[in-house]
Each structure stands twice: as C-alpha cells, then as structure tokens.
C-alpha cells in the first residue's frame, strides 16, 4: 500500500511539473531569483498546419482569401 501511494504521489508531481511547464504550447523555465519564469512560444511546425487544413477544409479560411 505504501509503495502504491508513493508511486501515485510521484506521478502527480510529474503531472503538475509537465502541465505547468508546457501548458498552452508555451515552454516555461524557472529563472533563479525571479518570480516569473522565462517563456518560449515555439509555435507549431508546418506539417501540423497542413494537417489542420486537410482535416478542417474551409472551416478556418479567412474571408476574402483565395486559398490557404
């Protein structure tokens, strides 16, 4: 029982760490001596955008655009 509880506790810590660091597609790193972390916004690669267009068709097309 003790081992199981310890494992669950460690997984929860890992979840909190990963969720906080990578939430919303941003990557946050702790900066010693500062309250706020550094923030990187890497965005998505071009293949992800192509897949989005293939799967959603015209749904996200901006008015007045000839094509994606």
C-alpha atoms as a PDB file:
ATOM      1  CA  UNK A   1       0.000   0.000   0.000  1.00  0.00           C
ATOM      2  CA  UNK A   2       2.800   2.409   0.916  1.00  0.00           C
ATOM      3  CA  UNK A   3       4.587   1.786  -2.406  1.00  0.00           C
ATOM      4  CA  UNK A   4       1.399   2.369  -4.395  1.00  0.00           C
ATOM      5  CA  UNK A   5       0.656   5.639  -2.589  1.00  0.00           C
ATOM      6  CA  UNK A   6       4.237   6.789  -3.101  1.00  0.00           C
ATOM      7  CA  UNK A   7       4.036   5.994  -6.831  1.00  0.00           C
ATOM      8  CA  UNK A   8       0.769   7.915  -7.225  1.00  0.00           C
ATOM      9  CA  UNK A   9       2.255  10.861  -5.343  1.00  0.00           C
ATOM     10  CA  UNK A  10       5.302  10.937  -7.655  1.00  0.00           C
ATOM     11  CA  UNK A  11       3.104  10.736 -10.773  1.00  0.00           C
ATOM     12  CA  UNK A  12       1.046  13.673  -9.513  1.00  0.00           C
ATOM     13  CA  UNK A  13       4.211  15.717  -9.006  1.00  0.00           C
ATOM     14  CA  UNK A  14       5.344  14.848 -12.529  1.00  0.00           C
ATOM     15  CA  UNK A  15       1.928  15.794 -13.936  1.00  0.00           C
ATOM     16  CA  UNK A  16       1.985  19.188 -12.177  1.00  0.00           C
ATOM     17  CA  UNK A  17       5.513  19.861 -13.431  1.00  0.00           C
ATOM     18  CA  UNK A  18       4.778  18.906 -17.065  1.00  0.00           C
ATOM     19  CA  UNK A  19       1.377  20.616 -17.157  1.00  0.00           C
ATOM     20  CA  UNK A  20       2.761  23.858 -15.752  1.00  0.00           C
ATOM     21  CA  UNK A  21       5.851  23.848 -17.975  1.00  0.00           C
ATOM     22  CA  UNK A  22       4.112  23.083 -21.294  1.00  0.00           C
ATOM     23  CA  UNK A  23       0.590  24.466 -20.798  1.00  0.00           C
ATOM     24  CA  UNK A  24      -0.896  26.241 -23.860  1.00  0.00           C
ATOM     25  CA  UNK A  25       2.024  25.267 -26.103  1.00  0.00           C
ATOM     26  CA  UNK A  26       4.372  27.601 -24.229  1.00  0.00           C
ATOM     27  CA  UNK A  27       7.562  26.366 -22.587  1.00  0.00           C
ATOM     28  CA  UNK A  28       8.376  27.894 -19.222  1.00  0.00           C
ATOM     29  CA  UNK A  29      11.727  27.645 -17.408  1.00  0.00           C
ATOM     30  CA  UNK A  30      12.356  28.701 -13.827  1.00  0.00           C
ATOM     31  CA  UNK A  31      14.758  31.643 -13.502  1.00  0.00           C
ATOM     32  CA  UNK A  32      16.639  31.735 -10.201  1.00  0.00           C
ATOM     33  CA  UNK A  33      15.935  34.893  -8.224  1.00  0.00           C
ATOM     34  CA  UNK A  34      12.902  35.862 -10.301  1.00  0.00           C
ATOM     35  CA  UNK A  35       9.226  35.355  -9.589  1.00  0.00           C
ATOM     36  CA  UNK A  36       8.219  34.831 -13.233  1.00  0.00           C
ATOM     37  CA  UNK A  37       9.686  32.129 -15.462  1.00  0.00           C
ATOM     38  CA  UNK A  38      11.249  32.693 -18.859  1.00  0.00           C
ATOM     39  CA  UNK A  39       8.751  31.987 -21.615  1.00  0.00           C
ATOM     40  CA  UNK A  40       9.285  30.490 -25.054  1.00  0.00           C
ATOM     41  CA  UNK A  41       6.492  30.284 -27.630  1.00  0.00           C
ATOM     42  CA  UNK A  42       7.787  27.861 -30.266  1.00  0.00           C
ATOM     43  CA  UNK A  43       4.535  27.516 -32.216  1.00  0.00           C
ATOM     44  CA  UNK A  44       3.821  24.507 -34.410  1.00  0.00           C
ATOM     45  CA  UNK A  45       5.703  23.085 -37.366  1.00  0.00           C
ATOM     46  CA  UNK A  46       4.395  23.489 -40.927  1.00  0.00           C
ATOM     47  CA  UNK A  47       3.241  19.858 -41.122  1.00  0.00           C
ATOM     48  CA  UNK A  48       0.836  20.441 -38.206  1.00  0.00           C
ATOM     49  CA  UNK A  49      -0.729  23.393 -40.048  1.00  0.00           C
ATOM     50  CA  UNK A  50      -1.022  21.312 -43.252  1.00  0.00           C
ATOM     51  CA  UNK A  51      -2.772  18.535 -41.311  1.00  0.00           C
ATOM     52  CA  UNK A  52      -5.133  21.091 -39.765  1.00  0.00           C
ATOM     53  CA  UNK A  53      -6.060  22.396 -43.216  1.00  0.00           C
ATOM     54  CA  UNK A  54      -6.543  18.867 -44.613  1.00  0.00           C
ATOM     55  CA  UNK A  55      -8.814  17.856 -41.735  1.00  0.00           C
ATOM     56  CA  UNK A  56     -10.887  21.033 -41.409  1.00  0.00           C
ATOM     57  CA  UNK A  57     -11.190  22.160 -45.036  1.00  0.00           C
ATOM     58  CA  UNK A  58     -12.698  25.643 -45.280  1.00  0.00           C
ATOM     59  CA  UNK A  59     -13.571  25.964 -41.577  1.00  0.00           C
ATOM     60  CA  UNK A  60     -10.665  28.317 -40.720  1.00  0.00           C
ATOM     61  CA  UNK A  61     -10.436  30.110 -44.057  1.00  0.00           C
ATOM     62  CA  UNK A  62     -10.336  33.893 -43.626  1.00  0.00           C
ATOM     63  CA  UNK A  63     -12.981  35.873 -45.563  1.00  0.00           C
ATOM     64  CA  UNK A  64     -11.549  37.252 -48.789  1.00  0.00           C
ATOM     65  CA  UNK A  65      -8.724  34.704 -49.029  1.00  0.00           C
ATOM     66  CA  UNK A  66      -8.384  32.914 -52.352  1.00  0.00           C
ATOM     67  CA  UNK A  67      -6.736  29.845 -50.790  1.00  0.00           C
ATOM     68  CA  UNK A  68      -4.943  28.615 -47.656  1.00  0.00           C
END
